[in-house]
Amino acid sequence: MTAIKETSVIQENKQYALDICPVTYVMEKIGNYWKPIILYHLSKGPIRYSEIKRAIPAITEKVLIQHLKQLESDGLVIRKAKPVVPPYVTYMLSKSGKGLMPVIDAMASWAINERAKEGKQEVTKQ
């Protein structure tokens, strides 16, 4: 992977955006289509990889693995592996990840209300 130049214009612009808008920081961490969905499913407690995959059938394995690694490196998710055969891996929210739950819950509530306004079938929060 190519190293990021600390003095590049893009990095300066990102830092400027972070300084003037705190939402930019959140979007740096969860600003992807799948990450909030993964966090939503992890909010129910520790779950195994296969359970996450089953809960989000539209996501590809490659993307799920990438996003779980990114969420782990950002300190939002904890990965615990037991050295047994077959491997037993569980994912759970870190303290920082749990701190995002009001944001994820607000997103879910907003979606439920908007869908109700649109006359869509009723969506319930799991």
C-alpha atoms as a PDB file:
ATOM      1  CA  MET A   1       0.000   0.000   0.000  1.00  0.00           C
ATOM      2  CA  THR A   2       1.261   3.463  -0.836  1.00  0.00           C
ATOM      3  CA  ALA A   3       2.214   5.644   2.086  1.00  0.00           C
ATOM      4  CA  ILE A   4       0.150   8.803   2.547  1.00  0.00           C
ATOM      5  CA  LYS A   5       2.135  12.004   2.393  1.00  0.00           C
ATOM      6  CA  GLU A   6       1.485  13.993   5.533  1.00  0.00           C
ATOM      7  CA  THR A   7       1.828  17.303   3.679  1.00  0.00           C
ATOM      8  CA  SER A   8      -0.366  16.613   0.671  1.00  0.00           C
ATOM      9  CA  VAL A   9      -3.108  19.065  -0.240  1.00  0.00           C
ATOM     10  CA  ILE A  10      -5.731  16.339   0.155  1.00  0.00           C
ATOM     11  CA  GLN A  11      -4.553  15.617   3.696  1.00  0.00           C
ATOM     12  CA  GLU A  12      -4.561  19.340   4.514  1.00  0.00           C
ATOM     13  CA  ASN A  13      -8.112  19.653   3.170  1.00  0.00           C
ATOM     14  CA  LYS A  14      -9.232  16.641   5.199  1.00  0.00           C
ATOM     15  CA  GLN A  15      -7.700  18.117   8.340  1.00  0.00           C
ATOM     16  CA  TYR A  16      -9.396  21.446   7.650  1.00  0.00           C
ATOM     17  CA  ALA A  17     -12.756  19.687   7.236  1.00  0.00           C
ATOM     18  CA  LEU A  18     -12.195  17.792  10.488  1.00  0.00           C
ATOM     19  CA  ASP A  19     -11.379  21.026  12.292  1.00  0.00           C
ATOM     20  CA  ILE A  20     -14.493  22.896  11.182  1.00  0.00           C
ATOM     21  CA  CYS A  21     -17.068  20.079  11.076  1.00  0.00           C
ATOM     22  CA  PRO A  22     -17.197  17.261  13.652  1.00  0.00           C
ATOM     23  CA  VAL A  23     -19.512  15.239  11.397  1.00  0.00           C
ATOM     24  CA  THR A  24     -16.519  14.775   9.092  1.00  0.00           C
ATOM     25  CA  TYR A  25     -14.829  12.721  11.821  1.00  0.00           C
ATOM     26  CA  VAL A  26     -17.857  10.446  12.131  1.00  0.00           C
ATOM     27  CA  MET A  27     -18.014  10.006   8.368  1.00  0.00           C
ATOM     28  CA  GLU A  28     -14.320   9.085   8.318  1.00  0.00           C
ATOM     29  CA  LYS A  29     -15.152   6.213  10.674  1.00  0.00           C
ATOM     30  CA  ILE A  30     -18.538   4.998   9.426  1.00  0.00           C
ATOM     31  CA  GLY A  31     -18.964   6.821   6.103  1.00  0.00           C
ATOM     32  CA  ASN A  32     -19.711   3.825   3.990  1.00  0.00           C
ATOM     33  CA  TYR A  33     -22.909   2.100   2.970  1.00  0.00           C
ATOM     34  CA  TRP A  34     -22.198  -1.115   4.916  1.00  0.00           C
ATOM     35  CA  LYS A  35     -20.447   0.063   8.091  1.00  0.00           C
ATOM     36  CA  PRO A  36     -23.509   1.488   9.885  1.00  0.00           C
ATOM     37  CA  ILE A  37     -25.430  -1.660   8.956  1.00  0.00           C
ATOM     38  CA  ILE A  38     -22.696  -3.856  10.433  1.00  0.00           C
ATOM     39  CA  LEU A  39     -22.622  -1.710  13.588  1.00  0.00           C
ATOM     40  CA  TYR A  40     -26.416  -1.954  13.868  1.00  0.00           C
ATOM     41  CA  HIS A  41     -26.262  -5.753  13.869  1.00  0.00           C
ATOM     42  CA  LEU A  42     -23.367  -5.777  16.344  1.00  0.00           C
ATOM     43  CA  SER A  43     -25.406  -3.626  18.733  1.00  0.00           C
ATOM     44  CA  LYS A  44     -27.323  -6.750  19.761  1.00  0.00           C
ATOM     45  CA  GLY A  45     -24.190  -8.203  21.350  1.00  0.00           C
ATOM     46  CA  PRO A  46     -21.229 -10.381  20.354  1.00  0.00           C
ATOM     47  CA  ILE A  47     -21.909 -12.354  17.190  1.00  0.00           C
ATOM     48  CA  ARG A  48     -19.961 -14.633  14.925  1.00  0.00           C
ATOM     49  CA  TYR A  49     -18.908 -13.791  11.381  1.00  0.00           C
ATOM     50  CA  SER A  50     -21.424 -16.247   9.896  1.00  0.00           C
ATOM     51  CA  GLU A  51     -24.250 -14.602  11.848  1.00  0.00           C
ATOM     52  CA  ILE A  52     -23.290 -11.179  10.508  1.00  0.00           C
ATOM     53  CA  LYS A  53     -23.176 -12.578   6.982  1.00  0.00           C
ATOM     54  CA  ARG A  54     -26.590 -14.190   7.451  1.00  0.00           C
ATOM     55  CA  ALA A  55     -28.037 -10.936   8.831  1.00  0.00           C
ATOM     56  CA  ILE A  56     -26.743  -8.955   5.821  1.00  0.00           C
ATOM     57  CA  PRO A  57     -27.130 -11.345   2.861  1.00  0.00           C
ATOM     58  CA  ALA A  58     -26.547  -8.652   0.203  1.00  0.00           C
ATOM     59  CA  ILE A  59     -22.969  -7.940   1.341  1.00  0.00           C
ATOM     60  CA  THR A  60     -20.146  -9.866  -0.286  1.00  0.00           C
ATOM     61  CA  GLU A  61     -17.655 -11.762   1.863  1.00  0.00           C
ATOM     62  CA  LYS A  62     -14.795  -9.613   0.606  1.00  0.00           C
ATOM     63  CA  VAL A  63     -16.543  -6.366   1.552  1.00  0.00           C
ATOM     64  CA  LEU A  64     -17.695  -7.711   4.917  1.00  0.00           C
ATOM     65  CA  ILE A  65     -14.163  -8.821   5.805  1.00  0.00           C
ATOM     66  CA  GLN A  66     -12.692  -5.479   4.663  1.00  0.00           C
ATOM     67  CA  HIS A  67     -15.175  -3.441   6.666  1.00  0.00           C
ATOM     68  CA  LEU A  68     -14.821  -5.558   9.792  1.00  0.00           C
ATOM     69  CA  LYS A  69     -11.039  -5.053   9.587  1.00  0.00           C
ATOM     70  CA  GLN A  70     -11.482  -1.298   9.105  1.00  0.00           C
ATOM     71  CA  LEU A  71     -13.943  -1.051  11.990  1.00  0.00           C
ATOM     72  CA  GLU A  72     -11.495  -3.004  14.143  1.00  0.00           C
ATOM     73  CA  SER A  73      -8.559  -0.778  13.176  1.00  0.00           C
ATOM     74  CA  ASP A  74     -10.687   2.317  13.903  1.00  0.00           C
ATOM     75  CA  GLY A  75     -11.347   0.957  17.387  1.00  0.00           C
ATOM     76  CA  LEU A  76     -15.089   0.511  16.930  1.00  0.00           C
ATOM     77  CA  VAL A  77     -15.170  -3.291  16.859  1.00  0.00           C
ATOM     78  CA  ILE A  78     -13.339  -5.949  18.858  1.00  0.00           C
ATOM     79  CA  ARG A  79     -12.480  -9.263  17.206  1.00  0.00           C
ATOM     80  CA  LYS A  80     -11.979 -12.266  19.483  1.00  0.00           C
ATOM     81  CA  ALA A  81     -10.641 -15.496  18.058  1.00  0.00           C
ATOM     82  CA  LYS A  82     -10.437 -18.783  19.918  1.00  0.00           C
ATOM     83  CA  PRO A  83      -7.624 -21.055  18.715  1.00  0.00           C
ATOM     84  CA  VAL A  84      -9.758 -24.105  17.976  1.00  0.00           C
ATOM     85  CA  VAL A  85     -10.546 -26.083  14.858  1.00  0.00           C
ATOM     86  CA  PRO A  86     -12.632 -24.830  13.139  1.00  0.00           C
ATOM     87  CA  PRO A  87     -11.754 -21.238  14.121  1.00  0.00           C
ATOM     88  CA  TYR A  88     -14.248 -19.570  16.433  1.00  0.00           C
ATOM     89  CA  VAL A  89     -14.309 -15.802  15.846  1.00  0.00           C
ATOM     90  CA  THR A  90     -16.730 -13.359  17.429  1.00  0.00           C
ATOM     91  CA  TYR A  91     -17.148  -9.644  16.866  1.00  0.00           C
ATOM     92  CA  MET A  92     -18.464  -7.131  19.357  1.00  0.00           C
ATOM     93  CA  LEU A  93     -18.634  -3.401  19.777  1.00  0.00           C
ATOM     94  CA  SER A  94     -15.845  -1.680  21.664  1.00  0.00           C
ATOM     95  CA  LYS A  95     -16.596   1.055  24.178  1.00  0.00           C
ATOM     96  CA  SER A  96     -16.153   3.585  21.379  1.00  0.00           C
ATOM     97  CA  GLY A  97     -18.437   1.551  19.100  1.00  0.00           C
ATOM     98  CA  LYS A  98     -21.108   1.433  21.807  1.00  0.00           C
ATOM     99  CA  GLY A  99     -20.828   5.212  22.000  1.00  0.00           C
ATOM    100  CA  LEU A 100     -22.047   5.353  18.389  1.00  0.00           C
ATOM    101  CA  MET A 101     -25.257   3.468  19.172  1.00  0.00           C
ATOM    102  CA  PRO A 102     -27.350   6.605  19.799  1.00  0.00           C
ATOM    103  CA  VAL A 103     -26.340   7.751  16.307  1.00  0.00           C
ATOM    104  CA  ILE A 104     -27.187   4.379  14.737  1.00  0.00           C
ATOM    105  CA  ASP A 105     -30.475   4.215  16.691  1.00  0.00           C
ATOM    106  CA  ALA A 106     -31.360   7.736  15.520  1.00  0.00           C
ATOM    107  CA  MET A 107     -30.691   6.663  11.924  1.00  0.00           C
ATOM    108  CA  ALA A 108     -32.947   3.625  12.373  1.00  0.00           C
ATOM    109  CA  SER A 109     -35.738   5.695  13.943  1.00  0.00           C
ATOM    110  CA  TRP A 110     -35.517   8.277  11.182  1.00  0.00           C
ATOM    111  CA  ALA A 111     -35.739   5.527   8.538  1.00  0.00           C
ATOM    112  CA  ILE A 112     -38.806   3.987  10.208  1.00  0.00           C
ATOM    113  CA  ASN A 113     -40.550   7.370  10.339  1.00  0.00           C
ATOM    114  CA  GLU A 114     -39.665   8.285   6.753  1.00  0.00           C
ATOM    115  CA  ARG A 115     -40.824   4.941   5.402  1.00  0.00           C
ATOM    116  CA  ALA A 116     -44.089   5.332   7.296  1.00  0.00           C
ATOM    117  CA  LYS A 117     -44.570   8.787   5.709  1.00  0.00           C
ATOM    118  CA  GLU A 118     -43.930   7.315   2.274  1.00  0.00           C
ATOM    119  CA  GLY A 119     -46.657   4.762   2.898  1.00  0.00           C
ATOM    120  CA  LYS A 120     -44.238   1.861   2.705  1.00  0.00           C
ATOM    121  CA  GLN A 121     -44.940  -1.273   4.629  1.00  0.00           C
ATOM    122  CA  GLU A 122     -44.222  -0.839   8.289  1.00  0.00           C
ATOM    123  CA  VAL A 123     -40.599  -1.313   9.233  1.00  0.00           C
ATOM    124  CA  THR A 124     -39.794  -2.221  12.803  1.00  0.00           C
ATOM    125  CA  LYS A 125     -36.594  -1.749  14.682  1.00  0.00           C
ATOM    126  CA  GLN A 126     -35.095  -5.113  15.567  1.00  0.00           C
END
